Structure formats: C-alpha cells, structure tokens
Protein backbone atom coordinates (compact mmCIF):
# COMPACT_ATOMS: atom_id res chain seq x y z
CA MET A 1 7.68 -80.21 90.74
CA ASN A 2 7.09 -83.03 88.68
CA ALA A 3 10.07 -82.53 86.99
CA MET A 4 12.43 -81.76 90.29
CA ARG A 5 10.80 -85.23 91.46
CA PHE A 6 12.40 -86.56 88.26
CA VAL A 7 15.64 -85.18 89.06
CA VAL A 8 15.80 -85.91 92.42
CA VAL A 9 15.04 -89.95 91.42
CA LEU A 10 17.56 -90.19 88.81
CA PHE A 11 19.97 -88.86 90.78
CA LEU A 12 19.56 -90.88 93.63
CA GLY A 13 19.20 -93.80 91.75
CA MET A 14 22.76 -92.66 89.24
CA ALA A 15 24.17 -92.47 93.21
CA ILE A 16 23.14 -95.95 94.04
CA GLY A 17 24.21 -97.16 90.53
CA LEU A 18 27.64 -95.72 91.21
CA TYR A 19 27.98 -97.25 94.62
CA PHE A 20 27.14 -101.28 93.60
CA LEU A 21 29.12 -100.92 90.83
CA PRO A 22 32.77 -101.04 92.62
CA HIS A 23 31.09 -104.29 94.23
CA HIS A 24 30.36 -105.84 91.51
CA ALA A 25 32.90 -104.83 88.84
CA GLY A 26 33.54 -108.48 88.15
CA PHE A 27 30.32 -109.46 86.10
CA ALA A 28 31.99 -106.82 83.64
CA ALA A 29 36.06 -107.63 83.70
CA GLY A 30 35.93 -111.26 83.50
CA ASP A 31 36.35 -111.64 87.42
CA PRO A 32 36.97 -115.47 88.03
CA ALA A 33 34.80 -115.81 90.56
CA ALA A 34 32.12 -114.61 88.65
CA GLU A 35 32.30 -116.14 85.83
CA GLY A 36 30.33 -119.65 84.85
CA SER A 37 28.57 -118.98 88.60
CA SER A 38 24.90 -118.09 89.84
CA LEU A 39 24.54 -115.06 92.06
CA PRO A 40 24.20 -115.28 96.33
CA GLY A 41 21.17 -116.99 97.75
CA ASN A 42 19.88 -113.51 98.75
CA GLY A 43 20.63 -112.13 94.67
CA ILE A 44 22.89 -109.42 95.80
CA GLY A 45 24.98 -109.86 98.85
CA GLY A 46 25.36 -108.32 101.92
CA ALA A 47 26.59 -104.57 100.79
CA TYR A 48 22.94 -103.53 99.67
CA LEU A 49 21.31 -104.18 102.72
CA GLU A 50 22.13 -99.82 103.86
CA THR A 51 20.04 -99.36 101.14
CA ALA A 52 16.62 -101.35 102.25
CA ASN A 53 15.28 -98.73 103.73
CA PHE A 54 15.66 -96.46 100.08
CA ASP A 55 11.77 -96.45 99.44
CA GLU A 56 11.29 -94.58 102.91
CA GLN A 57 13.87 -92.09 102.67
CA LEU A 58 12.40 -91.59 99.15
CA ALA A 59 8.97 -90.64 99.75
CA SER A 60 10.48 -88.61 103.03
CA LEU A 61 12.72 -86.43 100.78
CA LEU A 62 9.64 -85.74 98.41
CA LEU A 63 7.80 -84.98 101.36
CA GLU A 64 9.70 -82.52 102.29
CA MET A 65 10.27 -80.93 99.06
CA ASP A 66 6.45 -80.66 98.52
CA ALA A 67 6.44 -78.80 102.19
CA ALA A 68 9.37 -76.55 100.90
CA GLY A 69 7.75 -75.69 97.64
CA ALA A 70 4.18 -74.79 99.39
CA ARG A 71 6.16 -72.88 101.62
CA GLU A 72 8.71 -70.66 99.21
CA ARG A 73 6.72 -70.89 95.47
CA PRO A 74 5.39 -67.54 94.49
CA ARG A 75 1.56 -67.64 93.68
CA LEU A 76 -1.00 -65.50 91.82
CA LEU A 77 -2.95 -63.88 94.52
CA LEU A 78 -7.08 -65.77 94.38
CA PHE A 79 -9.58 -64.78 96.06
CA GLU A 80 -12.79 -66.45 97.46
CA THR A 81 -15.82 -65.49 99.58
CA HIS A 82 -17.57 -66.00 102.80
CA ARG A 83 -20.95 -64.87 103.71
CA VAL A 84 -20.67 -64.21 107.26
CA GLN A 85 -23.11 -66.34 109.44
CA ARG A 86 -24.24 -65.86 113.14
CA GLY A 87 -21.56 -66.90 115.49
CA ASP A 88 -18.47 -66.11 113.41
CA VAL A 89 -15.39 -64.33 114.53
CA ILE A 90 -12.34 -63.63 112.50
CA GLY A 91 -10.21 -65.98 114.76
CA ASN A 92 -12.61 -69.13 114.03
CA LEU A 93 -12.68 -67.97 109.85
CA ALA A 94 -9.09 -67.84 109.72
CA ARG A 95 -8.60 -71.06 111.12
CA SER A 96 -10.99 -72.73 108.86
CA TYR A 97 -9.34 -71.63 105.66
CA GLY A 98 -5.85 -72.11 106.58
CA LEU A 99 -4.86 -68.73 107.25
CA ASN A 100 -3.64 -66.56 110.03
CA GLU A 101 -6.17 -63.52 111.53
CA ASP A 102 -3.78 -60.08 109.99
CA THR A 103 -4.43 -61.74 106.13
CA ILE A 104 -8.73 -61.29 106.90
CA LEU A 105 -8.36 -58.30 108.57
CA SER A 106 -6.09 -56.49 106.27
CA VAL A 107 -7.48 -57.99 102.88
CA ASN A 108 -10.98 -56.73 104.08
CA ASN A 109 -10.01 -53.53 105.92
CA ILE A 110 -11.49 -54.30 108.79
CA ARG A 111 -10.99 -51.67 111.15
CA ASN A 112 -13.10 -53.21 114.25
CA SER A 113 -13.30 -57.34 114.61
CA ARG A 114 -15.89 -56.71 116.56
CA LEU A 115 -18.25 -55.42 114.24
CA LEU A 116 -18.79 -57.96 111.92
CA GLN A 117 -22.26 -57.90 109.85
CA ILE A 118 -24.09 -61.05 109.76
CA GLY A 119 -24.53 -60.87 105.54
CA GLN A 120 -21.22 -59.52 105.39
CA VAL A 121 -19.25 -60.79 102.26
CA LEU A 122 -15.93 -61.14 102.90
CA ARG A 123 -12.54 -61.72 100.50
CA ILE A 124 -11.28 -64.48 101.35
CA PRO A 125 -7.32 -65.56 99.74
CA ASN A 126 -5.55 -68.40 99.24
CA GLN A 127 -2.28 -67.32 100.81
CA ASP A 128 -1.45 -65.29 104.17
CA GLY A 129 -0.54 -61.63 103.48
CA ILE A 130 -1.53 -58.47 104.08
CA MET A 131 -2.41 -55.30 102.05
CA SER A 132 0.26 -51.98 101.75
CA THR A 133 0.06 -48.95 99.92
CA VAL A 134 2.95 -48.11 97.80
CA ASP A 135 4.58 -44.80 99.27
CA VAL A 136 6.89 -42.42 96.74
CA SER A 137 10.00 -43.79 97.97
CA ASP A 138 9.24 -47.56 97.59
CA THR A 139 10.51 -50.10 95.61
CA LEU A 140 9.22 -53.89 95.77
CA GLU A 141 12.33 -54.45 97.33
CA THR A 142 12.37 -52.03 100.17
CA ILE A 143 8.49 -53.03 101.00
CA ALA A 144 9.76 -56.70 100.65
CA GLU A 145 12.12 -55.71 103.41
CA ARG A 146 9.99 -53.49 105.70
CA TYR A 147 7.17 -56.64 105.88
CA GLY A 148 9.68 -59.50 105.46
CA SER A 149 8.46 -60.92 102.10
CA ASP A 150 9.59 -61.60 98.66
CA ALA A 151 10.13 -58.93 95.74
CA GLU A 152 9.66 -61.69 93.63
CA ALA A 153 6.81 -62.86 95.21
CA ILE A 154 5.10 -59.21 95.30
CA ARG A 155 5.24 -59.04 91.60
CA ILE A 156 3.46 -62.38 90.95
CA ALA A 157 0.88 -62.17 93.32
CA ASN A 158 -0.26 -58.93 91.94
CA GLN A 159 0.94 -59.88 88.23
CA LEU A 160 3.43 -56.68 88.05
CA PHE A 161 5.12 -57.15 84.65
CA SER A 162 7.89 -55.41 86.12
CA GLU A 163 9.83 -54.09 89.33
CA ALA A 164 8.36 -51.06 89.71
CA ALA A 165 5.91 -49.62 92.47
CA THR A 166 3.29 -47.02 91.74
CA PRO A 167 2.73 -44.51 94.03
CA GLY A 168 -0.42 -44.71 95.23
CA THR A 169 -1.41 -48.46 94.10
CA THR A 170 -2.11 -50.90 97.03
CA LEU A 171 -0.58 -54.30 96.85
CA PHE A 172 -1.19 -57.75 98.42
CA ILE A 173 2.32 -58.42 100.28
CA PRO A 174 2.64 -62.33 100.57
CA GLY A 175 3.63 -63.07 104.43
CA GLY A 176 3.16 -59.74 105.64
CA ARG A 177 1.94 -58.89 109.44
CA LEU A 178 0.34 -56.36 110.96
CA SER A 179 1.99 -54.38 113.59
CA TRP A 180 1.04 -55.79 117.63
CA MET A 181 -0.20 -51.68 117.83
CA GLU A 182 -2.53 -52.33 114.52
CA ARG A 183 -3.93 -55.78 115.51
CA GLN A 184 -4.88 -54.23 119.13
CA GLU A 185 -6.27 -51.27 117.22
CA ILE A 186 -8.90 -53.83 114.91
CA ASN A 187 -9.70 -56.28 117.61
CA GLY A 188 -10.54 -53.17 120.54
CA ASP A 189 -7.96 -54.24 122.65
CA LEU A 190 -5.65 -51.07 122.80
CA PHE A 191 -6.53 -49.39 125.44
CA MET A 192 -7.19 -50.33 128.86
CA TRP A 193 -10.14 -49.01 131.66
CA PRO A 194 -8.61 -46.11 133.16
CA VAL A 195 -10.70 -46.69 136.40
CA ALA A 196 -13.29 -49.44 137.60
CA GLY A 197 -16.61 -48.12 137.98
CA ARG A 198 -19.81 -48.17 136.30
CA ILE A 199 -20.72 -45.91 132.91
CA THR A 200 -23.58 -43.81 133.91
CA SER A 201 -23.36 -41.95 130.08
CA GLY A 202 -22.08 -43.41 127.07
CA PHE A 203 -20.59 -41.70 124.18
CA GLY A 204 -23.22 -39.70 121.37
CA TRP A 205 -26.80 -37.72 121.78
CA ARG A 206 -28.30 -37.69 125.42
CA PRO A 207 -30.67 -35.29 127.24
CA ASP A 208 -29.29 -32.77 129.24
CA PRO A 209 -27.73 -34.02 132.84
CA PHE A 210 -28.11 -30.81 133.95
CA GLY A 211 -32.42 -30.82 133.62
CA SER A 212 -32.98 -28.58 130.61
CA SER A 213 -35.02 -29.58 127.45
CA ARG A 214 -31.81 -29.85 125.45
CA ARG A 215 -29.85 -32.72 124.02
CA GLU A 216 -26.67 -32.79 123.74
CA PHE A 217 -24.00 -34.63 121.88
CA HIS A 218 -21.17 -36.46 124.49
CA ASN A 219 -18.12 -36.58 123.35
CA GLY A 220 -16.66 -39.66 125.34
CA ILE A 221 -18.49 -41.45 128.40
CA ASP A 222 -18.72 -41.01 132.17
CA ILE A 223 -17.53 -43.78 134.53
CA ALA A 224 -18.86 -43.32 138.29
CA ALA A 225 -16.67 -44.45 141.11
CA ARG A 226 -15.64 -43.74 144.33
CA MET A 227 -14.09 -40.04 145.08
CA GLY A 228 -10.50 -40.43 145.33
CA THR A 229 -10.63 -43.60 143.16
CA PRO A 230 -6.89 -43.80 140.99
CA ILE A 231 -7.27 -42.53 137.47
CA ARG A 232 -5.10 -44.69 135.26
CA ALA A 233 -3.25 -44.41 131.82
CA SER A 234 -5.20 -45.97 129.41
CA MET A 235 -2.11 -46.52 127.10
CA ALA A 236 1.08 -45.82 127.11
CA GLY A 237 1.77 -41.10 125.96
CA ARG A 238 2.88 -38.55 126.52
CA VAL A 239 1.21 -35.99 129.14
CA SER A 240 0.33 -32.90 126.48
CA VAL A 241 -2.17 -30.73 128.52
CA ALA A 242 -2.67 -31.17 132.59
CA GLY A 243 -4.89 -28.21 133.96
CA TRP A 244 -8.33 -26.56 134.46
CA ASP A 245 -11.15 -26.25 132.85
CA ASN A 246 -14.24 -24.23 133.14
CA VAL A 247 -16.31 -27.46 132.00
CA MET A 248 -13.90 -30.38 132.66
CA GLY A 249 -12.28 -29.14 136.07
CA ASN A 250 -9.08 -30.50 136.38
CA PHE A 251 -8.33 -32.57 133.49
CA VAL A 252 -5.28 -34.24 131.48
CA ILE A 253 -4.42 -34.78 127.88
CA ILE A 254 -2.11 -37.75 126.80
CA THR A 255 -0.82 -37.91 123.43
CA HIS A 256 0.14 -41.54 122.24
CA ALA A 257 1.03 -43.09 119.15
CA ARG A 258 -0.67 -43.66 115.81
CA GLY A 259 -2.58 -40.39 116.46
CA TYR A 260 -4.75 -41.38 119.30
CA ARG A 261 -5.07 -38.82 122.05
CA THR A 262 -6.93 -39.43 125.41
CA LEU A 263 -9.09 -37.13 127.99
CA TYR A 264 -9.44 -37.05 131.49
CA ALA A 265 -11.82 -34.90 132.70
CA HIS A 266 -13.60 -33.96 136.72
CA MET A 267 -10.22 -35.20 138.76
CA SER A 268 -10.20 -34.07 142.10
CA ARG A 269 -6.54 -33.83 141.91
CA ILE A 270 -4.31 -34.23 139.15
CA ARG A 271 -0.66 -36.40 139.38
CA VAL A 272 0.99 -35.88 136.15
CA ARG A 273 2.96 -32.94 134.67
CA GLN A 274 2.60 -31.42 130.92
CA GLY A 275 5.47 -32.97 129.17
CA ALA A 276 5.84 -35.98 131.02
CA TYR A 277 6.28 -39.31 129.76
CA VAL A 278 3.26 -42.19 131.59
CA GLY A 279 2.81 -45.83 131.34
CA ALA A 280 -0.18 -47.51 130.46
CA GLY A 281 -1.96 -47.80 133.78
CA GLN A 282 0.42 -45.54 135.76
CA HIS A 283 -1.70 -43.19 138.32
CA ILE A 284 -2.67 -39.90 136.76
CA GLY A 285 -4.79 -38.34 138.60
CA ASP A 286 -7.91 -39.22 141.14
CA VAL A 287 -11.32 -39.17 140.77
CA GLY A 288 -13.58 -36.25 141.40
CA SER A 289 -16.30 -33.70 140.46
CA THR A 290 -14.55 -30.56 139.24
CA GLY A 291 -16.29 -28.71 137.00
CA ARG A 292 -19.83 -28.69 135.05
CA SER A 293 -20.19 -32.52 137.03
CA THR A 294 -23.20 -33.49 138.84
CA GLY A 295 -21.16 -36.37 141.42
CA PRO A 296 -17.94 -38.19 141.07
CA HIS A 297 -17.29 -39.81 137.86
CA LEU A 298 -14.18 -39.60 135.10
CA HIS A 299 -15.39 -38.38 132.20
CA PHE A 300 -13.00 -40.10 129.41
CA SER A 301 -12.50 -39.14 125.24
CA VAL A 302 -11.00 -40.96 122.71
CA PHE A 303 -9.35 -38.49 119.93
CA ARG A 304 -7.95 -40.46 116.84
CA HIS A 305 -6.24 -37.49 113.97
CA GLY A 306 -8.37 -35.40 115.87
CA THR A 307 -11.81 -36.83 115.48
CA LEU A 308 -13.85 -38.43 118.51
CA VAL A 309 -13.42 -42.24 118.36
CA ASN A 310 -16.33 -44.35 120.88
CA PRO A 311 -14.23 -45.04 123.60
CA ARG A 312 -16.19 -48.85 123.81
CA THR A 313 -14.72 -49.62 120.44
CA VAL A 314 -10.96 -49.37 121.61
CA LEU A 315 -11.01 -50.58 125.53
CA ARG A 316 -10.48 -53.84 125.90
C-alpha cells in the first residue's frame, strides 16, 4: 500500500507539473515578459487556484484506496479466542469483533445458537466468511462462484499452494454467507408453532400418562388446546402421510427441506391430502383427542434425516 501511495502521489505530481508548464513556458523560452521581471505578487497567478484543494483531494483519494484495499486484499486466515461470559449472544459478539453472525456460527460449528455455554471458547477469525467441506467435483473456482467469493482469496486464506481442492477437506471461504434456512435452523427460528396452547408434556422421558408405573420416551411435545382449534403446518413442505393410527389417531406427516419431517397427531379432522404441497401456516387439521389420548391436544414431533429433534430447539 505504501508503494501504491508513492505511485499515486508521483502521478499526481507529474500531472500538475504538466498542467503548470504551458502557463510558464516563458521562463525556459526567453519570454520577454519573464526576463528581468519578478513573479506576480501572489507568486503563481490565477491559473493555480484550481489546485487550491489538492491536499484534500489527495487525502480523500488515499482514504478510498485504503478502504478498497481492506475490502479486496486477500488475507491469511488468523484466529483469536473468546471465552463465553454470562449474557453473551452471537449477535453482540459479532458486532463487538466487527464480523457478521454467520462467520462466528460457521467457524465454531454452532448448530444451536441458544445453547452457548458460559466458559465455552470460541474461535474469532480476522475476516468474515464461513467453513465449507470440499465435494468431489469442487474446484476453488466453483466454490468461489457458489459463495460469491474469490478463488485467490480462498487459496491465500487457507494457505493452499495450488488451485486444487482436496475432497473432504474443510476450507474457509472469505465473504461466504450461510443460507437463510441454515441461519434460521441454527437460531431456532426454522419452524412456527403449529397451534396456540399450553405444553402439557415435553420432549424426553416421562411417567406413563395412563397410570402405569413404567416410564416412556415421549418423542415430541403435547400442546393442549380447545377441541377443533386449527392446526397449521409448521413449515412449508409436502404431505407424505395423512391417515389413521391406533396410537396417534388421525395424523399428518409433512416432509420439508434439509431432511426435516414434522408429525401432527390426535387430530379430530384432517384437512389435507397425501401428496399435497402446503405452505407454512396453512390449515392442515383440527385439534382432537383421537388414538391414545387423555384429552384434546396436538402431539407434535420433528425429525431430521430420520433422527428425533427436540421441537423446542427449532420452534421460533
């Protein structure tokens, strides 16, 4: 950058010199008006008034160059650490370090931003970006295009010595951002509540609600509501099952993006058909007490790639 400053100043100096030269060629060509006379009282003459703000213009130009260099100059990836303290949240941490939230979430592989632990040590990079695992068909160019980054910036940040990208390795992508769905998922804002009501049974182990001495694992949450209250799709998707089960009663399963499925059980009435596409918030059924149930409520479960997820961690 210092070398660039020198070049700019030298160039501007030459340009100004070339501008001045025609106005004062008489000093070199024996102009009678110049010979044996002194300069005008102001020393230079009116033509020079156009450059009176030269210092301001030069300072402004150099500031623009510094800003452009900070934005565009590829940098080696460096880290510092932050130990989570009481009251820390991702948004405030990002602002305090001059980064966006995606960067801290991705670099630290945070899958649920609500579960930060006091004393947890976070890595804080010196630039914005996200982590990405290289696929078999990937090159630095295709990765850069996918995330709106630059192949050279990726190479320098990760200290790569060639343009090759080894499948299975994890790279830092300068300037990369998470998708909207990834961000919503991590922040626990991916699903809307399917019905308004009171949670009467949470996710996990619980005593048998039908009075036996055994405990059972509850694979969702129960939300008590008035009989007939509308049940709404928690996220957009396609109805994969709509039918009857002796335990779940009338139930609906919706398949969503990113490997998610949601289950809605004990309905008094189903209002969608198998194969139908539903939008988030669409009326899919009514609260009931069908199947194995103690009263009007909705049983709501969430699965990700076939694995149960605690609904409370993804409901906004």
